[in-house]
Amino acid sequence: MKWTDSLDIAIELADRYPEVDPRTVRFTELMDLVLALDDFDDDPKRCGEKILEAIQQAWIDEI
């Protein structure tokens, strides 16, 4: 997965961290959670606030 795969990332986060409320996750935490996903393979420097917002919103929508 790449940073642009926000829906796929959100699904993985929801599956891997069912106890986490995505509305309470700071962007720095969210970035770390994404980077820790097994299927994620992209440059951390390509991530920005808009990407993290999209991932967070998709995660909220997913749950």
PDB file of N, CA and C in Angstrom:
ATOM      1  N   MET A   1       0.832  -1.178   0.000  1.00  0.00           N
ATOM      2  CA  MET A   1       0.000   0.000   0.000  1.00  0.00           C
ATOM      3  C   MET A   1       0.879   1.245   0.000  1.00  0.00           C
ATOM      4  N   LYS A   2       0.340   2.271  -0.588  1.00  0.00           N
ATOM      5  CA  LYS A   2       0.993   3.577  -0.637  1.00  0.00           C
ATOM      6  C   LYS A   2       0.134   4.588   0.125  1.00  0.00           C
ATOM      7  N   TRP A   3       0.664   5.778   0.350  1.00  0.00           N
ATOM      8  CA  TRP A   3      -0.066   6.807   1.084  1.00  0.00           C
ATOM      9  C   TRP A   3      -1.402   7.137   0.424  1.00  0.00           C
ATOM     10  N   THR A   4      -1.483   7.006  -0.878  1.00  0.00           N
ATOM     11  CA  THR A   4      -2.720   7.349  -1.584  1.00  0.00           C
ATOM     12  C   THR A   4      -3.818   6.302  -1.422  1.00  0.00           C
ATOM     13  N   ASP A   5      -3.503   5.164  -0.850  1.00  0.00           N
ATOM     14  CA  ASP A   5      -4.486   4.095  -0.650  1.00  0.00           C
ATOM     15  C   ASP A   5      -5.201   4.269   0.694  1.00  0.00           C
ATOM     16  N   SER A   6      -5.800   5.423   0.890  1.00  0.00           N
ATOM     17  CA  SER A   6      -6.360   5.757   2.202  1.00  0.00           C
ATOM     18  C   SER A   6      -7.440   4.773   2.655  1.00  0.00           C
ATOM     19  N   LEU A   7      -8.295   4.315   1.758  1.00  0.00           N
ATOM     20  CA  LEU A   7      -9.348   3.378   2.153  1.00  0.00           C
ATOM     21  C   LEU A   7      -8.758   2.037   2.564  1.00  0.00           C
ATOM     22  N   ASP A   8      -7.819   1.517   1.791  1.00  0.00           N
ATOM     23  CA  ASP A   8      -7.174   0.248   2.136  1.00  0.00           C
ATOM     24  C   ASP A   8      -6.430   0.355   3.467  1.00  0.00           C
ATOM     25  N   ILE A   9      -5.772   1.469   3.679  1.00  0.00           N
ATOM     26  CA  ILE A   9      -5.063   1.692   4.941  1.00  0.00           C
ATOM     27  C   ILE A   9      -6.058   1.730   6.097  1.00  0.00           C
ATOM     28  N   ALA A  10      -7.168   2.435   5.897  1.00  0.00           N
ATOM     29  CA  ALA A  10      -8.190   2.540   6.944  1.00  0.00           C
ATOM     30  C   ALA A  10      -8.765   1.171   7.302  1.00  0.00           C
ATOM     31  N   ILE A  11      -8.999   0.342   6.309  1.00  0.00           N
ATOM     32  CA  ILE A  11      -9.523  -1.004   6.561  1.00  0.00           C
ATOM     33  C   ILE A  11      -8.525  -1.815   7.379  1.00  0.00           C
ATOM     34  N   GLU A  12      -7.254  -1.733   7.003  1.00  0.00           N
ATOM     35  CA  GLU A  12      -6.205  -2.445   7.744  1.00  0.00           C
ATOM     36  C   GLU A  12      -6.116  -1.937   9.186  1.00  0.00           C
ATOM     37  N   LEU A  13      -6.185  -0.623   9.369  1.00  0.00           N
ATOM     38  CA  LEU A  13      -6.117  -0.054  10.717  1.00  0.00           C
ATOM     39  C   LEU A  13      -7.311  -0.500  11.557  1.00  0.00           C
ATOM     40  N   ALA A  14      -8.490  -0.502  10.973  1.00  0.00           N
ATOM     41  CA  ALA A  14      -9.694  -0.925  11.695  1.00  0.00           C
ATOM     42  C   ALA A  14      -9.592  -2.396  12.106  1.00  0.00           C
ATOM     43  N   ASP A  15      -9.042  -3.225  11.228  1.00  0.00           N
ATOM     44  CA  ASP A  15      -8.879  -4.648  11.537  1.00  0.00           C
ATOM     45  C   ASP A  15      -7.801  -4.872  12.594  1.00  0.00           C
ATOM     46  N   ARG A  16      -6.716  -4.151  12.489  1.00  0.00           N
ATOM     47  CA  ARG A  16      -5.567  -4.379  13.366  1.00  0.00           C
ATOM     48  C   ARG A  16      -5.743  -3.728  14.746  1.00  0.00           C
ATOM     49  N   TYR A  17      -6.453  -2.618  14.795  1.00  0.00           N
ATOM     50  CA  TYR A  17      -6.630  -1.879  16.046  1.00  0.00           C
ATOM     51  C   TYR A  17      -8.109  -1.625  16.338  1.00  0.00           C
ATOM     52  N   PRO A  18      -8.878  -2.689  16.565  1.00  0.00           N
ATOM     53  CA  PRO A  18     -10.329  -2.506  16.772  1.00  0.00           C
ATOM     54  C   PRO A  18     -10.664  -1.728  18.051  1.00  0.00           C
ATOM     55  N   GLU A  19      -9.740  -1.693  19.002  1.00  0.00           N
ATOM     56  CA  GLU A  19      -9.986  -1.004  20.269  1.00  0.00           C
ATOM     57  C   GLU A  19      -9.673   0.491  20.201  1.00  0.00           C
ATOM     58  N   VAL A  20      -9.083   0.946  19.107  1.00  0.00           N
ATOM     59  CA  VAL A  20      -8.670   2.345  18.975  1.00  0.00           C
ATOM     60  C   VAL A  20      -9.780   3.171  18.325  1.00  0.00           C
ATOM     61  N   ASP A  21     -10.080   4.313  18.939  1.00  0.00           N
ATOM     62  CA  ASP A  21     -11.028   5.259  18.362  1.00  0.00           C
ATOM     63  C   ASP A  21     -10.220   6.221  17.481  1.00  0.00           C
ATOM     64  N   PRO A  22     -10.391   6.167  16.164  1.00  0.00           N
ATOM     65  CA  PRO A  22      -9.581   7.002  15.281  1.00  0.00           C
ATOM     66  C   PRO A  22      -9.757   8.500  15.502  1.00  0.00           C
ATOM     67  N   ARG A  23     -10.850   8.897  16.128  1.00  0.00           N
ATOM     68  CA  ARG A  23     -11.060  10.322  16.395  1.00  0.00           C
ATOM     69  C   ARG A  23     -10.119  10.850  17.464  1.00  0.00           C
ATOM     70  N   THR A  24      -9.505   9.943  18.243  1.00  0.00           N
ATOM     71  CA  THR A  24      -8.620  10.370  19.323  1.00  0.00           C
ATOM     72  C   THR A  24      -7.142  10.224  18.966  1.00  0.00           C
ATOM     73  N   VAL A  25      -6.853   9.769  17.753  1.00  0.00           N
ATOM     74  CA  VAL A  25      -5.472   9.515  17.341  1.00  0.00           C
ATOM     75  C   VAL A  25      -4.854  10.785  16.756  1.00  0.00           C
ATOM     76  N   ARG A  26      -3.718  11.193  17.318  1.00  0.00           N
ATOM     77  CA  ARG A  26      -2.986  12.348  16.770  1.00  0.00           C
ATOM     78  C   ARG A  26      -2.330  11.936  15.451  1.00  0.00           C
ATOM     79  N   PHE A  27      -2.064  12.901  14.605  1.00  0.00           N
ATOM     80  CA  PHE A  27      -1.475  12.603  13.297  1.00  0.00           C
ATOM     81  C   PHE A  27      -0.105  11.937  13.410  1.00  0.00           C
ATOM     82  N   THR A  28       0.670  12.322  14.404  1.00  0.00           N
ATOM     83  CA  THR A  28       1.984  11.682  14.572  1.00  0.00           C
ATOM     84  C   THR A  28       1.806  10.205  14.923  1.00  0.00           C
ATOM     85  N   GLU A  29       0.823   9.915  15.755  1.00  0.00           N
ATOM     86  CA  GLU A  29       0.498   8.526  16.102  1.00  0.00           C
ATOM     87  C   GLU A  29      -0.011   7.773  14.884  1.00  0.00           C
ATOM     88  N   LEU A  30      -0.893   8.418  14.144  1.00  0.00           N
ATOM     89  CA  LEU A  30      -1.486   7.788  12.961  1.00  0.00           C
ATOM     90  C   LEU A  30      -0.403   7.424  11.954  1.00  0.00           C
ATOM     91  N   MET A  31       0.522   8.303  11.756  1.00  0.00           N
ATOM     92  CA  MET A  31       1.608   8.024  10.823  1.00  0.00           C
ATOM     93  C   MET A  31       2.399   6.794  11.270  1.00  0.00           C
ATOM     94  N   ASP A  32       2.682   6.704  12.564  1.00  0.00           N
ATOM     95  CA  ASP A  32       3.403   5.548  13.095  1.00  0.00           C
ATOM     96  C   ASP A  32       2.603   4.256  12.909  1.00  0.00           C
ATOM     97  N   LEU A  33       1.293   4.325  13.125  1.00  0.00           N
ATOM     98  CA  LEU A  33       0.445   3.145  12.952  1.00  0.00           C
ATOM     99  C   LEU A  33       0.456   2.676  11.497  1.00  0.00           C
ATOM    100  N   VAL A  34       0.389   3.619  10.576  1.00  0.00           N
ATOM    101  CA  VAL A  34       0.401   3.285   9.149  1.00  0.00           C
ATOM    102  C   VAL A  34       1.743   2.670   8.760  1.00  0.00           C
ATOM    103  N   LEU A  35       2.817   3.291   9.204  1.00  0.00           N
ATOM    104  CA  LEU A  35       4.152   2.783   8.865  1.00  0.00           C
ATOM    105  C   LEU A  35       4.384   1.378   9.410  1.00  0.00           C
ATOM    106  N   ALA A  36       3.684   1.009  10.482  1.00  0.00           N
ATOM    107  CA  ALA A  36       3.836  -0.311  11.094  1.00  0.00           C
ATOM    108  C   ALA A  36       3.026  -1.405  10.385  1.00  0.00           C
ATOM    109  N   LEU A  37       2.139  -1.020   9.478  1.00  0.00           N
ATOM    110  CA  LEU A  37       1.340  -2.024   8.766  1.00  0.00           C
ATOM    111  C   LEU A  37       2.235  -2.867   7.866  1.00  0.00           C
ATOM    112  N   ASP A  38       2.006  -4.174   7.874  1.00  0.00           N
ATOM    113  CA  ASP A  38       2.830  -5.104   7.103  1.00  0.00           C
ATOM    114  C   ASP A  38       2.815  -4.824   5.600  1.00  0.00           C
ATOM    115  N   ASP A  39       1.652  -4.472   5.072  1.00  0.00           N
ATOM    116  CA  ASP A  39       1.516  -4.287   3.627  1.00  0.00           C
ATOM    117  C   ASP A  39       1.870  -2.873   3.158  1.00  0.00           C
ATOM    118  N   PHE A  40       2.234  -2.001   4.088  1.00  0.00           N
ATOM    119  CA  PHE A  40       2.539  -0.624   3.712  1.00  0.00           C
ATOM    120  C   PHE A  40       3.981  -0.506   3.248  1.00  0.00           C
ATOM    121  N   ASP A  41       4.147   0.136   2.099  1.00  0.00           N
ATOM    122  CA  ASP A  41       5.490   0.289   1.535  1.00  0.00           C
ATOM    123  C   ASP A  41       5.573   1.592   0.753  1.00  0.00           C
ATOM    124  N   ASP A  42       5.821   2.682   1.483  1.00  0.00           N
ATOM    125  CA  ASP A  42       5.968   3.985   0.834  1.00  0.00           C
ATOM    126  C   ASP A  42       6.905   4.842   1.685  1.00  0.00           C
ATOM    127  N   ASP A  43       7.393   5.883   1.094  1.00  0.00           N
ATOM    128  CA  ASP A  43       8.339   6.782   1.743  1.00  0.00           C
ATOM    129  C   ASP A  43       7.611   7.652   2.771  1.00  0.00           C
ATOM    130  N   PRO A  44       8.035   7.631   4.031  1.00  0.00           N
ATOM    131  CA  PRO A  44       7.398   8.471   5.048  1.00  0.00           C
ATOM    132  C   PRO A  44       7.417   9.956   4.701  1.00  0.00           C
ATOM    133  N   LYS A  45       8.392  10.383   3.919  1.00  0.00           N
ATOM    134  CA  LYS A  45       8.497  11.792   3.547  1.00  0.00           C
ATOM    135  C   LYS A  45       7.400  12.229   2.573  1.00  0.00           C
ATOM    136  N   ARG A  46       6.709  11.273   1.971  1.00  0.00           N
ATOM    137  CA  ARG A  46       5.637  11.602   1.017  1.00  0.00           C
ATOM    138  C   ARG A  46       4.312  11.851   1.716  1.00  0.00           C
ATOM    139  N   CYS A  47       4.300  11.720   3.030  1.00  0.00           N
ATOM    140  CA  CYS A  47       3.067  11.886   3.800  1.00  0.00           C
ATOM    141  C   CYS A  47       2.915  13.338   4.238  1.00  0.00           C
ATOM    142  N   GLY A  48       1.673  13.804   4.222  1.00  0.00           N
ATOM    143  CA  GLY A  48       1.369  15.151   4.679  1.00  0.00           C
ATOM    144  C   GLY A  48       0.065  15.164   5.459  1.00  0.00           C
ATOM    145  N   GLU A  49      -0.290  16.318   5.950  1.00  0.00           N
ATOM    146  CA  GLU A  49      -1.494  16.456   6.772  1.00  0.00           C
ATOM    147  C   GLU A  49      -2.758  16.050   6.019  1.00  0.00           C
ATOM    148  N   LYS A  50      -2.860  16.425   4.752  1.00  0.00           N
ATOM    149  CA  LYS A  50      -4.054  16.085   3.971  1.00  0.00           C
ATOM    150  C   LYS A  50      -4.199  14.573   3.802  1.00  0.00           C
ATOM    151  N   ILE A  51      -3.097  13.896   3.612  1.00  0.00           N
ATOM    152  CA  ILE A  51      -3.134  12.440   3.481  1.00  0.00           C
ATOM    153  C   ILE A  51      -3.578  11.808   4.795  1.00  0.00           C
ATOM    154  N   LEU A  52      -3.017  12.274   5.897  1.00  0.00           N
ATOM    155  CA  LEU A  52      -3.397  11.737   7.198  1.00  0.00           C
ATOM    156  C   LEU A  52      -4.856  12.039   7.520  1.00  0.00           C
ATOM    157  N   GLU A  53      -5.338  13.207   7.140  1.00  0.00           N
ATOM    158  CA  GLU A  53      -6.757  13.543   7.321  1.00  0.00           C
ATOM    159  C   GLU A  53      -7.638  12.571   6.542  1.00  0.00           C
ATOM    160  N   ALA A  54      -7.250  12.275   5.318  1.00  0.00           N
ATOM    161  CA  ALA A  54      -8.031  11.351   4.487  1.00  0.00           C
ATOM    162  C   ALA A  54      -8.043   9.951   5.090  1.00  0.00           C
ATOM    163  N   ILE A  55      -6.900   9.506   5.587  1.00  0.00           N
ATOM    164  CA  ILE A  55      -6.827   8.183   6.212  1.00  0.00           C
ATOM    165  C   ILE A  55      -7.686   8.150   7.478  1.00  0.00           C
ATOM    166  N   GLN A  56      -7.561   9.183   8.301  1.00  0.00           N
ATOM    167  CA  GLN A  56      -8.334   9.238   9.528  1.00  0.00           C
ATOM    168  C   GLN A  56      -9.836   9.243   9.249  1.00  0.00           C
ATOM    169  N   GLN A  57     -10.263  10.024   8.271  1.00  0.00           N
ATOM    170  CA  GLN A  57     -11.685  10.079   7.931  1.00  0.00           C
ATOM    171  C   GLN A  57     -12.178   8.737   7.386  1.00  0.00           C
ATOM    172  N   ALA A  58     -11.377   8.101   6.561  1.00  0.00           N
ATOM    173  CA  ALA A  58     -11.752   6.781   6.025  1.00  0.00           C
ATOM    174  C   ALA A  58     -11.844   5.767   7.154  1.00  0.00           C
ATOM    175  N   TRP A  59     -10.958   5.856   8.136  1.00  0.00           N
ATOM    176  CA  TRP A  59     -10.971   4.944   9.292  1.00  0.00           C
ATOM    177  C   TRP A  59     -12.239   5.176  10.107  1.00  0.00           C
ATOM    178  N   ILE A  60     -12.580   6.439  10.335  1.00  0.00           N
ATOM    179  CA  ILE A  60     -13.810   6.772  11.060  1.00  0.00           C
ATOM    180  C   ILE A  60     -15.018   6.209  10.314  1.00  0.00           C
ATOM    181  N   ASP A  61     -15.059   6.409   9.012  1.00  0.00           N
ATOM    182  CA  ASP A  61     -16.158   5.904   8.191  1.00  0.00           C
ATOM    183  C   ASP A  61     -16.227   4.380   8.225  1.00  0.00           C
ATOM    184  N   GLU A  62     -15.074   3.741   8.269  1.00  0.00           N
ATOM    185  CA  GLU A  62     -14.992   2.275   8.252  1.00  0.00           C
ATOM    186  C   GLU A  62     -15.601   1.658   9.505  1.00  0.00           C
ATOM    187  N   ILE A  63     -15.377   2.310  10.647  1.00  0.00           N
ATOM    188  CA  ILE A  63     -15.931   1.744  11.879  1.00  0.00           C
ATOM    189  C   ILE A  63     -17.349   2.227  12.102  1.00  0.00           C
TER     190      ILE A  63
END
